[in-house]
Amino acid sequence: METNRYEVILDTLPATATRLEVLFRQAGDGFLQVEYGRDQRANLLDSFRIQTIDARIREAAPEGFIETLPGIRTNMLHFDPEILDVRLLIDMIKKFESELADVDHIVMPSRLIHLPIAFEDSETKKCVAKYLKEVRPEAPNVIDGYNLEYIAMCNGMTAAEVKQTLLGTEWYNSGGGFWPGGGFFWPMDPRCALVVPKYNPPRTWTPEGTVGIGGPCVFTYTTATGGGYQLFGRTIPVFQFAQKHPLFKESPFLYVNGDRIQFHETSEAEILRIYEHVHDKTDYEYDIEPGEIVVKDYVEFVQSPAVLQETEEFQARQAKGAQTAPRL
């Protein structure tokens, strides 16, 4: 039988009772994408598995291996094809997958980073005003000069409830992306899984430290850049290119894969004071706790009857809210 010379799926692993089908996709001469399932979904159990396999890959580090970029249900592997044959790489990953029967016994390192946040600060409000003036004057996601009321409307909540929801869970980093030093953060508590559409079209400018949400994912903007997430506040620096502050000496990035962040509310004046003590005086002490995620405990929590019922009620409110929120 003649094969399609443009077929990008090089190999597969069949689904099991505890894992989706694994697809191995050619992603360029020196890139291989490992993907769980053929349909998009955001399930932290996929990420826990990806992070565990990723750690095995990086530990093995065969000659020609360069780096990985894990996501919520994918992992992109960068390698030198003149040194490392892609088939050998696939066979190695298959072996690691076969040795990981399920995720219930995974215990993965996960720091807890406490981040202060000022809701509806003046810098992000300037950013929204600039968008109205220069991009989309009648943007329906801007209510009273900001996005918080729109986030609330999409989820069938009040603005105050949105704030409490954002503060009420730890947010898990499935991996870096979008912009250097960024992390994609997902709620550990499914009762806090806010969902909103992104800006249409996106912004041309977003201040450093802005915190926003797009779909179900929270992002903290590392530098001034464009962007499309709905904005709700500003946090402290999570990236320092100059690497002057002791925390950034080894890397300009704060986050590593598997980190969790916990927001706590503070004033805008305190956020600005911390910026000075990170970028200028470099004497601010970040509040970071070592820790771990015990997947068995997480599964028991999200599958407990009370959490399942409250998640269902939360999603019903969201469905009603989504019907009334204006389309973007």
C-alpha atoms as a PDB file:
ATOM      1  CA  MET A   1       0.000   0.000   0.000  1.00  0.00           C
ATOM      2  CA  GLU A   2       1.298   3.430  -0.922  1.00  0.00           C
ATOM      3  CA  THR A   3       1.829   5.652   2.112  1.00  0.00           C
ATOM      4  CA  ASN A   4       1.147   9.363   2.256  1.00  0.00           C
ATOM      5  CA  ARG A   5       4.513  11.105   2.094  1.00  0.00           C
ATOM      6  CA  TYR A   6       3.008  14.035   4.029  1.00  0.00           C
ATOM      7  CA  GLU A   7       1.646  11.970   6.947  1.00  0.00           C
ATOM      8  CA  VAL A   8       2.816  13.656  10.161  1.00  0.00           C
ATOM      9  CA  ILE A   9       1.800  10.939  12.657  1.00  0.00           C
ATOM     10  CA  LEU A  10       4.882   8.740  12.868  1.00  0.00           C
ATOM     11  CA  ASP A  11       3.583   6.292  15.462  1.00  0.00           C
ATOM     12  CA  THR A  12       0.914   5.785  18.131  1.00  0.00           C
ATOM     13  CA  LEU A  13       0.306   4.018  21.414  1.00  0.00           C
ATOM     14  CA  PRO A  14      -3.211   2.671  21.955  1.00  0.00           C
ATOM     15  CA  ALA A  15      -5.369   4.098  24.723  1.00  0.00           C
ATOM     16  CA  THR A  16      -5.492   2.233  28.021  1.00  0.00           C
ATOM     17  CA  ALA A  17      -7.899   2.371  30.954  1.00  0.00           C
ATOM     18  CA  THR A  18      -5.829   5.141  32.495  1.00  0.00           C
ATOM     19  CA  ARG A  19      -4.373   6.965  29.468  1.00  0.00           C
ATOM     20  CA  LEU A  20      -5.548   8.431  26.183  1.00  0.00           C
ATOM     21  CA  GLU A  21      -4.073   7.327  22.867  1.00  0.00           C
ATOM     22  CA  VAL A  22      -0.561   8.715  22.442  1.00  0.00           C
ATOM     23  CA  LEU A  23       0.294  10.299  19.085  1.00  0.00           C
ATOM     24  CA  PHE A  24       3.854  10.923  17.924  1.00  0.00           C
ATOM     25  CA  ARG A  25       3.793  13.755  15.368  1.00  0.00           C
ATOM     26  CA  GLN A  26       6.622  14.973  13.159  1.00  0.00           C
ATOM     27  CA  ALA A  27       6.851  18.704  13.882  1.00  0.00           C
ATOM     28  CA  GLY A  28       9.850  19.674  11.751  1.00  0.00           C
ATOM     29  CA  ASP A  29      13.254  18.214  10.990  1.00  0.00           C
ATOM     30  CA  GLY A  30      14.322  18.394  14.625  1.00  0.00           C
ATOM     31  CA  PHE A  31      11.021  18.388  16.507  1.00  0.00           C
ATOM     32  CA  LEU A  32       8.689  15.668  17.730  1.00  0.00           C
ATOM     33  CA  GLN A  33       5.310  16.413  19.316  1.00  0.00           C
ATOM     34  CA  VAL A  34       3.897  13.871  21.746  1.00  0.00           C
ATOM     35  CA  GLU A  35       0.147  14.337  22.117  1.00  0.00           C
ATOM     36  CA  TYR A  36      -2.430  12.672  24.373  1.00  0.00           C
ATOM     37  CA  GLY A  37      -5.659  12.043  22.478  1.00  0.00           C
ATOM     38  CA  ARG A  38      -6.916  13.425  19.187  1.00  0.00           C
ATOM     39  CA  ASP A  39      -9.285  15.986  20.694  1.00  0.00           C
ATOM     40  CA  GLN A  40      -8.364  19.058  22.687  1.00  0.00           C
ATOM     41  CA  ARG A  41      -9.105  18.964  26.388  1.00  0.00           C
ATOM     42  CA  ALA A  42      -7.772  20.572  29.561  1.00  0.00           C
ATOM     43  CA  ASN A  43      -7.336  17.854  32.171  1.00  0.00           C
ATOM     44  CA  LEU A  44      -4.624  18.205  34.793  1.00  0.00           C
ATOM     45  CA  LEU A  45      -4.155  14.425  34.925  1.00  0.00           C
ATOM     46  CA  ASP A  46      -2.789  14.607  31.363  1.00  0.00           C
ATOM     47  CA  SER A  47      -0.320  17.259  32.473  1.00  0.00           C
ATOM     48  CA  PHE A  48       0.783  15.306  35.545  1.00  0.00           C
ATOM     49  CA  ARG A  49       1.565  12.380  33.262  1.00  0.00           C
ATOM     50  CA  ILE A  50       3.354  14.579  30.724  1.00  0.00           C
ATOM     51  CA  GLN A  51       5.489  16.191  33.439  1.00  0.00           C
ATOM     52  CA  THR A  52       6.418  12.782  34.850  1.00  0.00           C
ATOM     53  CA  ILE A  53       7.433  11.380  31.451  1.00  0.00           C
ATOM     54  CA  ASP A  54       9.190  14.655  30.646  1.00  0.00           C
ATOM     55  CA  ALA A  55      11.347  14.315  33.760  1.00  0.00           C
ATOM     56  CA  ARG A  56      12.378  10.827  32.593  1.00  0.00           C
ATOM     57  CA  ILE A  57      13.264  12.155  29.129  1.00  0.00           C
ATOM     58  CA  ARG A  58      15.386  14.983  30.520  1.00  0.00           C
ATOM     59  CA  GLU A  59      17.080  12.609  32.946  1.00  0.00           C
ATOM     60  CA  ALA A  60      17.947  10.179  30.151  1.00  0.00           C
ATOM     61  CA  ALA A  61      19.067  13.032  27.841  1.00  0.00           C
ATOM     62  CA  PRO A  62      20.320  10.874  24.941  1.00  0.00           C
ATOM     63  CA  GLU A  63      23.019  12.347  22.730  1.00  0.00           C
ATOM     64  CA  GLY A  64      21.398  14.837  20.367  1.00  0.00           C
ATOM     65  CA  PHE A  65      18.564  15.731  22.757  1.00  0.00           C
ATOM     66  CA  ILE A  66      18.204  19.508  23.206  1.00  0.00           C
ATOM     67  CA  GLU A  67      15.089  20.470  25.194  1.00  0.00           C
ATOM     68  CA  THR A  68      11.375  19.908  25.795  1.00  0.00           C
ATOM     69  CA  LEU A  69       8.327  22.172  25.980  1.00  0.00           C
ATOM     70  CA  PRO A  70       5.504  20.486  27.927  1.00  0.00           C
ATOM     71  CA  GLY A  71       1.919  21.709  27.606  1.00  0.00           C
ATOM     72  CA  ILE A  72      -1.409  20.711  29.129  1.00  0.00           C
ATOM     73  CA  ARG A  73      -1.740  17.587  26.899  1.00  0.00           C
ATOM     74  CA  THR A  74       1.314  17.753  24.623  1.00  0.00           C
ATOM     75  CA  ASN A  75       5.093  17.782  24.817  1.00  0.00           C
ATOM     76  CA  MET A  76       7.328  19.217  22.108  1.00  0.00           C
ATOM     77  CA  LEU A  77      10.791  17.644  21.931  1.00  0.00           C
ATOM     78  CA  HIS A  78      13.671  19.447  20.235  1.00  0.00           C
ATOM     79  CA  PHE A  79      16.566  17.285  19.057  1.00  0.00           C
ATOM     80  CA  ASP A  80      19.395  17.216  16.523  1.00  0.00           C
ATOM     81  CA  PRO A  81      18.247  14.824  13.754  1.00  0.00           C
ATOM     82  CA  GLU A  82      21.835  14.381  12.550  1.00  0.00           C
ATOM     83  CA  ILE A  83      22.718  12.860  15.933  1.00  0.00           C
ATOM     84  CA  LEU A  84      19.503  11.404  17.329  1.00  0.00           C
ATOM     85  CA  ASP A  85      17.150   9.334  15.178  1.00  0.00           C
ATOM     86  CA  VAL A  86      13.511  10.171  15.827  1.00  0.00           C
ATOM     87  CA  ARG A  87      12.625   6.456  15.988  1.00  0.00           C
ATOM     88  CA  LEU A  88      15.024   5.944  18.885  1.00  0.00           C
ATOM     89  CA  LEU A  89      13.427   8.909  20.655  1.00  0.00           C
ATOM     90  CA  ILE A  90       9.927   7.486  20.122  1.00  0.00           C
ATOM     91  CA  ASP A  91      11.004   4.041  21.366  1.00  0.00           C
ATOM     92  CA  MET A  92      12.450   5.600  24.522  1.00  0.00           C
ATOM     93  CA  ILE A  93       9.212   7.480  25.247  1.00  0.00           C
ATOM     94  CA  LYS A  94       7.167   4.323  24.589  1.00  0.00           C
ATOM     95  CA  LYS A  95       9.264   2.515  27.197  1.00  0.00           C
ATOM     96  CA  PHE A  96       8.680   5.269  29.757  1.00  0.00           C
ATOM     97  CA  GLU A  97       4.951   5.223  29.003  1.00  0.00           C
ATOM     98  CA  SER A  98       4.776   1.454  29.496  1.00  0.00           C
ATOM     99  CA  GLU A  99       6.467   1.817  32.881  1.00  0.00           C
ATOM    100  CA  LEU A 100       3.902   4.374  34.050  1.00  0.00           C
ATOM    101  CA  ALA A 101       0.794   2.238  34.454  1.00  0.00           C
ATOM    102  CA  ASP A 102      -1.361   5.011  35.921  1.00  0.00           C
ATOM    103  CA  VAL A 103      -1.066   8.479  37.438  1.00  0.00           C
ATOM    104  CA  ASP A 104      -2.491   7.659  40.885  1.00  0.00           C
ATOM    105  CA  HIS A 105       0.956   6.948  42.297  1.00  0.00           C
ATOM    106  CA  ILE A 106       2.628  10.076  40.933  1.00  0.00           C
ATOM    107  CA  VAL A 107       4.125  12.454  43.486  1.00  0.00           C
ATOM    108  CA  MET A 108       5.636  15.391  41.636  1.00  0.00           C
ATOM    109  CA  PRO A 109       7.631  18.355  42.952  1.00  0.00           C
ATOM    110  CA  SER A 110       5.599  21.562  42.907  1.00  0.00           C
ATOM    111  CA  ARG A 111       6.572  24.840  44.518  1.00  0.00           C
ATOM    112  CA  LEU A 112       3.827  27.098  45.885  1.00  0.00           C
ATOM    113  CA  ILE A 113       4.466  30.738  44.952  1.00  0.00           C
ATOM    114  CA  HIS A 114       2.469  33.346  46.859  1.00  0.00           C
ATOM    115  CA  LEU A 115       1.764  36.338  44.631  1.00  0.00           C
ATOM    116  CA  PRO A 116       0.112  39.596  45.722  1.00  0.00           C
ATOM    117  CA  ILE A 117      -2.397  41.048  43.278  1.00  0.00           C
ATOM    118  CA  ALA A 118      -4.084  44.436  43.002  1.00  0.00           C
ATOM    119  CA  PHE A 119      -7.440  44.139  41.279  1.00  0.00           C
ATOM    120  CA  GLU A 120      -8.432  46.804  38.717  1.00  0.00           C
ATOM    121  CA  ASP A 121      -5.163  48.749  39.044  1.00  0.00           C
ATOM    122  CA  SER A 122      -4.499  51.979  37.168  1.00  0.00           C
ATOM    123  CA  GLU A 123      -1.852  50.568  34.785  1.00  0.00           C
ATOM    124  CA  THR A 124      -4.074  47.860  33.376  1.00  0.00           C
ATOM    125  CA  LYS A 125      -6.953  50.341  33.184  1.00  0.00           C
ATOM    126  CA  LYS A 126      -4.703  52.543  30.990  1.00  0.00           C
ATOM    127  CA  CYS A 127      -4.115  49.506  28.811  1.00  0.00           C
ATOM    128  CA  VAL A 128      -7.866  48.960  28.385  1.00  0.00           C
ATOM    129  CA  ALA A 129      -8.401  52.670  27.637  1.00  0.00           C
ATOM    130  CA  LYS A 130      -5.695  52.523  24.967  1.00  0.00           C
ATOM    131  CA  TYR A 131      -7.464  49.553  23.385  1.00  0.00           C
ATOM    132  CA  LEU A 132     -10.771  51.427  23.255  1.00  0.00           C
ATOM    133  CA  LYS A 133      -9.120  54.465  21.719  1.00  0.00           C
ATOM    134  CA  GLU A 134      -6.901  52.776  19.141  1.00  0.00           C
ATOM    135  CA  VAL A 135      -8.348  49.330  18.364  1.00  0.00           C
ATOM    136  CA  ARG A 136     -12.042  48.778  19.145  1.00  0.00           C
ATOM    137  CA  PRO A 137     -13.971  51.733  20.621  1.00  0.00           C
ATOM    138  CA  GLU A 138     -17.180  49.750  21.200  1.00  0.00           C
ATOM    139  CA  ALA A 139     -15.594  46.581  22.569  1.00  0.00           C
ATOM    140  CA  PRO A 140     -18.378  44.715  24.430  1.00  0.00           C
ATOM    141  CA  ASN A 141     -15.933  43.143  26.871  1.00  0.00           C
ATOM    142  CA  VAL A 142     -15.104  46.580  28.306  1.00  0.00           C
ATOM    143  CA  ILE A 143     -17.660  47.549  30.946  1.00  0.00           C
ATOM    144  CA  ASP A 144     -17.015  50.616  33.120  1.00  0.00           C
ATOM    145  CA  GLY A 145     -13.552  50.863  31.572  1.00  0.00           C
ATOM    146  CA  TYR A 146     -12.422  47.346  32.475  1.00  0.00           C
ATOM    147  CA  ASN A 147     -12.894  43.596  31.897  1.00  0.00           C
ATOM    148  CA  LEU A 148     -13.863  42.358  35.357  1.00  0.00           C
ATOM    149  CA  GLU A 149     -17.601  42.847  34.899  1.00  0.00           C
ATOM    150  CA  TYR A 150     -17.428  41.008  31.566  1.00  0.00           C
ATOM    151  CA  ILE A 151     -15.601  38.077  33.225  1.00  0.00           C
ATOM    152  CA  ALA A 152     -18.361  38.019  35.836  1.00  0.00           C
ATOM    153  CA  MET A 153     -21.096  38.133  33.194  1.00  0.00           C
ATOM    154  CA  CYS A 154     -19.576  35.207  31.265  1.00  0.00           C
ATOM    155  CA  ASN A 155     -19.588  33.065  34.401  1.00  0.00           C
ATOM    156  CA  GLY A 156     -22.954  34.032  35.869  1.00  0.00           C
ATOM    157  CA  MET A 157     -21.296  35.764  38.807  1.00  0.00           C
ATOM    158  CA  THR A 158     -20.715  39.169  40.357  1.00  0.00           C
ATOM    159  CA  ALA A 159     -17.344  40.926  40.139  1.00  0.00           C
ATOM    160  CA  ALA A 160     -16.839  40.336  43.868  1.00  0.00           C
ATOM    161  CA  GLU A 161     -17.462  36.607  43.380  1.00  0.00           C
ATOM    162  CA  VAL A 162     -14.950  36.518  40.527  1.00  0.00           C
ATOM    163  CA  LYS A 163     -12.282  38.003  42.801  1.00  0.00           C
ATOM    164  CA  GLN A 164     -12.995  35.475  45.533  1.00  0.00           C
ATOM    165  CA  THR A 165     -12.874  32.667  42.979  1.00  0.00           C
ATOM    166  CA  LEU A 166      -9.482  33.798  41.683  1.00  0.00           C
ATOM    167  CA  LEU A 167      -8.167  33.975  45.244  1.00  0.00           C
ATOM    168  CA  GLY A 168      -9.844  30.726  46.290  1.00  0.00           C
ATOM    169  CA  THR A 169      -7.671  28.174  44.519  1.00  0.00           C
ATOM    170  CA  GLU A 170      -4.058  27.359  43.699  1.00  0.00           C
ATOM    171  CA  TRP A 171      -3.231  27.779  39.995  1.00  0.00           C
ATOM    172  CA  TYR A 172      -1.106  25.033  38.423  1.00  0.00           C
ATOM    173  CA  ASN A 173       1.516  25.750  35.747  1.00  0.00           C
ATOM    174  CA  SER A 174       1.310  23.198  32.928  1.00  0.00           C
ATOM    175  CA  GLY A 175       4.331  24.741  31.181  1.00  0.00           C
ATOM    176  CA  GLY A 176       5.852  27.885  29.733  1.00  0.00           C
ATOM    177  CA  GLY A 177       4.637  29.523  26.575  1.00  0.00           C
ATOM    178  CA  PHE A 178       3.216  32.470  24.647  1.00  0.00           C
ATOM    179  CA  TRP A 179       5.979  34.811  25.857  1.00  0.00           C
ATOM    180  CA  PRO A 180       9.402  34.259  27.492  1.00  0.00           C
ATOM    181  CA  GLY A 181       8.975  33.416  31.165  1.00  0.00           C
ATOM    182  CA  GLY A 182       5.226  32.976  30.962  1.00  0.00           C
ATOM    183  CA  GLY A 183       3.299  30.100  32.463  1.00  0.00           C
ATOM    184  CA  PHE A 184      -0.136  28.692  31.669  1.00  0.00           C
ATOM    185  CA  PHE A 185      -2.046  28.373  34.934  1.00  0.00           C
ATOM    186  CA  TRP A 186      -5.084  26.178  35.575  1.00  0.00           C
ATOM    187  CA  PRO A 187      -7.252  26.008  38.721  1.00  0.00           C
ATOM    188  CA  MET A 188      -6.573  23.084  41.033  1.00  0.00           C
ATOM    189  CA  ASP A 189     -10.131  23.431  42.329  1.00  0.00           C
ATOM    190  CA  PRO A 190     -12.683  22.748  39.544  1.00  0.00           C
ATOM    191  CA  ARG A 191     -15.193  24.948  41.382  1.00  0.00           C
ATOM    192  CA  CYS A 192     -12.948  27.896  40.449  1.00  0.00           C
ATOM    193  CA  ALA A 193     -12.636  27.118  36.729  1.00  0.00           C
ATOM    194  CA  LEU A 194     -13.656  30.447  35.228  1.00  0.00           C
ATOM    195  CA  VAL A 195     -13.972  30.539  31.429  1.00  0.00           C
ATOM    196  CA  VAL A 196     -13.992  33.617  29.163  1.00  0.00           C
ATOM    197  CA  PRO A 197     -13.384  34.338  25.456  1.00  0.00           C
ATOM    198  CA  LYS A 198     -10.299  36.339  24.528  1.00  0.00           C
ATOM    199  CA  TYR A 199     -10.155  39.873  23.117  1.00  0.00           C
ATOM    200  CA  ASN A 200     -11.195  40.195  19.465  1.00  0.00           C
ATOM    201  CA  PRO A 201      -8.962  41.577  18.050  1.00  0.00           C
ATOM    202  CA  PRO A 202      -6.129  41.457  20.622  1.00  0.00           C
ATOM    203  CA  ARG A 203      -4.486  44.431  22.336  1.00  0.00           C
ATOM    204  CA  THR A 204      -1.321  46.091  21.057  1.00  0.00           C
ATOM    205  CA  TRP A 205       0.001  46.783  24.579  1.00  0.00           C
ATOM    206  CA  THR A 206      -0.225  45.145  27.998  1.00  0.00           C
ATOM    207  CA  PRO A 207       1.868  46.273  31.009  1.00  0.00           C
ATOM    208  CA  GLU A 208       4.360  44.080  32.805  1.00  0.00           C
ATOM    209  CA  GLY A 209       2.751  42.161  35.641  1.00  0.00           C
ATOM    210  CA  THR A 210      -0.779  42.244  34.214  1.00  0.00           C
ATOM    211  CA  VAL A 211      -2.866  39.201  35.142  1.00  0.00           C
ATOM    212  CA  GLY A 212      -5.596  38.008  32.802  1.00  0.00           C
ATOM    213  CA  ILE A 213      -7.648  35.005  31.821  1.00  0.00           C
ATOM    214  CA  GLY A 214      -8.418  33.517  28.402  1.00  0.00           C
ATOM    215  CA  GLY A 215     -10.571  30.426  28.070  1.00  0.00           C
ATOM    216  CA  PRO A 216      -9.975  28.635  31.387  1.00  0.00           C
ATOM    217  CA  CYS A 217      -6.304  29.675  31.656  1.00  0.00           C
ATOM    218  CA  VAL A 218      -4.704  32.435  33.758  1.00  0.00           C
ATOM    219  CA  PHE A 219      -1.555  34.199  32.537  1.00  0.00           C
ATOM    220  CA  THR A 220       0.784  36.711  34.187  1.00  0.00           C
ATOM    221  CA  TYR A 221       2.396  38.990  31.603  1.00  0.00           C
ATOM    222  CA  THR A 222       6.171  38.971  32.034  1.00  0.00           C
ATOM    223  CA  THR A 223       6.970  42.126  30.041  1.00  0.00           C
ATOM    224  CA  ALA A 224       5.081  44.839  28.201  1.00  0.00           C
ATOM    225  CA  THR A 225       3.591  43.157  25.132  1.00  0.00           C
ATOM    226  CA  GLY A 226       0.411  42.655  23.144  1.00  0.00           C
ATOM    227  CA  GLY A 227      -2.185  40.219  24.393  1.00  0.00           C
ATOM    228  CA  GLY A 228      -5.761  39.040  24.342  1.00  0.00           C
ATOM    229  CA  TYR A 229      -6.676  37.778  27.799  1.00  0.00           C
ATOM    230  CA  GLN A 230      -9.428  39.510  29.792  1.00  0.00           C
ATOM    231  CA  LEU A 231      -7.733  41.599  32.485  1.00  0.00           C
ATOM    232  CA  PHE A 232      -8.475  41.641  36.180  1.00  0.00           C
ATOM    233  CA  GLY A 233      -5.372  42.997  37.941  1.00  0.00           C
ATOM    234  CA  ARG A 234      -1.627  43.284  38.315  1.00  0.00           C
ATOM    235  CA  THR A 235       0.951  41.272  40.240  1.00  0.00           C
ATOM    236  CA  ILE A 236       4.671  41.620  40.976  1.00  0.00           C
ATOM    237  CA  PRO A 237       7.574  40.881  38.572  1.00  0.00           C
ATOM    238  CA  VAL A 238       7.880  37.260  37.440  1.00  0.00           C
ATOM    239  CA  PHE A 239      10.680  37.933  34.910  1.00  0.00           C
ATOM    240  CA  GLN A 240      13.868  39.991  35.030  1.00  0.00           C
ATOM    241  CA  PHE A 241      16.000  40.147  31.914  1.00  0.00           C
ATOM    242  CA  ALA A 242      18.814  42.014  33.728  1.00  0.00           C
ATOM    243  CA  GLN A 243      18.968  39.240  36.370  1.00  0.00           C
ATOM    244  CA  LYS A 244      19.955  41.738  39.093  1.00  0.00           C
ATOM    245  CA  HIS A 245      17.672  40.353  41.788  1.00  0.00           C
ATOM    246  CA  PRO A 246      19.093  37.296  43.630  1.00  0.00           C
ATOM    247  CA  LEU A 247      16.061  35.175  42.705  1.00  0.00           C
ATOM    248  CA  PHE A 248      16.758  35.680  38.995  1.00  0.00           C
ATOM    249  CA  LYS A 249      20.536  35.095  39.074  1.00  0.00           C
ATOM    250  CA  GLU A 250      20.300  31.571  37.675  1.00  0.00           C
ATOM    251  CA  SER A 251      17.427  32.285  35.286  1.00  0.00           C
ATOM    252  CA  PRO A 252      15.445  35.382  34.275  1.00  0.00           C
ATOM    253  CA  PHE A 253      12.270  33.339  34.730  1.00  0.00           C
ATOM    254  CA  LEU A 254      10.426  32.880  38.035  1.00  0.00           C
ATOM    255  CA  TYR A 255       8.275  29.915  37.029  1.00  0.00           C
ATOM    256  CA  VAL A 256       9.211  26.305  36.373  1.00  0.00           C
ATOM    257  CA  ASN A 257       6.876  23.607  35.087  1.00  0.00           C
ATOM    258  CA  GLY A 258       4.609  22.214  37.794  1.00  0.00           C
ATOM    259  CA  ASP A 259       4.681  25.335  39.984  1.00  0.00           C
ATOM    260  CA  ARG A 260       1.504  26.508  41.679  1.00  0.00           C
ATOM    261  CA  ILE A 261       0.631  30.121  42.424  1.00  0.00           C
ATOM    262  CA  GLN A 262      -1.708  31.409  45.110  1.00  0.00           C
ATOM    263  CA  PHE A 263      -2.934  34.990  44.795  1.00  0.00           C
ATOM    264  CA  HIS A 264      -3.685  37.221  47.771  1.00  0.00           C
ATOM    265  CA  GLU A 265      -5.146  40.704  47.416  1.00  0.00           C
ATOM    266  CA  THR A 266      -3.169  43.823  48.176  1.00  0.00           C
ATOM    267  CA  SER A 267      -3.163  47.511  47.219  1.00  0.00           C
ATOM    268  CA  GLU A 268      -1.760  49.003  44.048  1.00  0.00           C
ATOM    269  CA  ALA A 269       0.606  51.084  46.172  1.00  0.00           C
ATOM    270  CA  GLU A 270       2.063  47.873  47.610  1.00  0.00           C
ATOM    271  CA  ILE A 271       2.480  46.378  44.133  1.00  0.00           C
ATOM    272  CA  LEU A 272       4.395  49.492  42.990  1.00  0.00           C
ATOM    273  CA  ARG A 273       6.554  49.391  46.137  1.00  0.00           C
ATOM    274  CA  ILE A 274       7.475  45.772  45.406  1.00  0.00           C
ATOM    275  CA  TYR A 275       8.388  46.655  41.801  1.00  0.00           C
ATOM    276  CA  GLU A 276      10.896  49.146  43.145  1.00  0.00           C
ATOM    277  CA  HIS A 277      12.330  46.581  45.557  1.00  0.00           C
ATOM    278  CA  VAL A 278      12.644  43.938  42.813  1.00  0.00           C
ATOM    279  CA  HIS A 279      13.963  45.943  39.865  1.00  0.00           C
ATOM    280  CA  ASP A 280      15.848  48.783  41.610  1.00  0.00           C
ATOM    281  CA  LYS A 281      16.773  47.905  45.188  1.00  0.00           C
ATOM    282  CA  THR A 282      16.673  44.123  44.498  1.00  0.00           C
ATOM    283  CA  ASP A 283      15.977  43.334  48.170  1.00  0.00           C
ATOM    284  CA  TYR A 284      12.404  42.034  47.968  1.00  0.00           C
ATOM    285  CA  GLU A 285      11.972  38.469  49.276  1.00  0.00           C
ATOM    286  CA  TYR A 286       9.602  36.297  47.254  1.00  0.00           C
ATOM    287  CA  ASP A 287       7.359  33.970  49.251  1.00  0.00           C
ATOM    288  CA  ILE A 288       7.989  30.521  47.759  1.00  0.00           C
ATOM    289  CA  GLU A 289       7.319  27.237  49.550  1.00  0.00           C
ATOM    290  CA  PRO A 290       8.796  23.908  48.457  1.00  0.00           C
ATOM    291  CA  GLY A 291       6.113  21.285  48.027  1.00  0.00           C
ATOM    292  CA  GLU A 292       4.652  18.497  45.954  1.00  0.00           C
ATOM    293  CA  ILE A 293       1.465  17.350  44.272  1.00  0.00           C
ATOM    294  CA  VAL A 294       0.250  13.951  45.434  1.00  0.00           C
ATOM    295  CA  VAL A 295      -1.927  12.952  42.510  1.00  0.00           C
ATOM    296  CA  LYS A 296      -3.904  10.378  44.505  1.00  0.00           C
ATOM    297  CA  ASP A 297      -4.960  13.123  46.950  1.00  0.00           C
ATOM    298  CA  TYR A 298      -5.861  15.448  44.081  1.00  0.00           C
ATOM    299  CA  VAL A 299      -8.037  12.791  42.417  1.00  0.00           C
ATOM    300  CA  GLU A 300      -9.819  12.038  45.679  1.00  0.00           C
ATOM    301  CA  PHE A 301     -10.509  15.758  46.140  1.00  0.00           C
ATOM    302  CA  VAL A 302     -11.916  16.496  42.671  1.00  0.00           C
ATOM    303  CA  GLN A 303     -13.962  13.294  42.660  1.00  0.00           C
ATOM    304  CA  SER A 304     -15.435  13.749  46.127  1.00  0.00           C
ATOM    305  CA  PRO A 305     -19.255  13.986  46.091  1.00  0.00           C
ATOM    306  CA  ALA A 306     -19.367  17.527  47.481  1.00  0.00           C
ATOM    307  CA  VAL A 307     -16.861  18.888  44.958  1.00  0.00           C
ATOM    308  CA  LEU A 308     -18.562  17.100  42.050  1.00  0.00           C
ATOM    309  CA  GLN A 309     -21.941  18.549  43.026  1.00  0.00           C
ATOM    310  CA  GLU A 310     -20.628  22.084  43.567  1.00  0.00           C
ATOM    311  CA  THR A 311     -18.677  21.919  40.282  1.00  0.00           C
ATOM    312  CA  GLU A 312     -21.849  20.921  38.448  1.00  0.00           C
ATOM    313  CA  GLU A 313     -23.732  23.825  40.041  1.00  0.00           C
ATOM    314  CA  PHE A 314     -20.908  26.208  39.129  1.00  0.00           C
ATOM    315  CA  GLN A 315     -20.922  25.033  35.518  1.00  0.00           C
ATOM    316  CA  ALA A 316     -24.699  25.505  35.324  1.00  0.00           C
ATOM    317  CA  ARG A 317     -24.253  29.141  36.385  1.00  0.00           C
ATOM    318  CA  GLN A 318     -21.526  29.529  33.773  1.00  0.00           C
ATOM    319  CA  ALA A 319     -23.772  28.144  31.027  1.00  0.00           C
ATOM    320  CA  LYS A 320     -26.479  30.685  31.847  1.00  0.00           C
ATOM    321  CA  GLY A 321     -23.922  33.489  32.008  1.00  0.00           C
ATOM    322  CA  ALA A 322     -22.401  32.551  28.667  1.00  0.00           C
ATOM    323  CA  GLN A 323     -25.830  32.858  27.052  1.00  0.00           C
ATOM    324  CA  THR A 324     -26.263  36.451  28.237  1.00  0.00           C
ATOM    325  CA  ALA A 325     -22.701  37.741  27.731  1.00  0.00           C
ATOM    326  CA  PRO A 326     -22.144  39.641  24.463  1.00  0.00           C
ATOM    327  CA  ARG A 327     -20.183  37.852  21.760  1.00  0.00           C
ATOM    328  CA  LEU A 328     -16.701  39.043  20.903  1.00  0.00           C
END
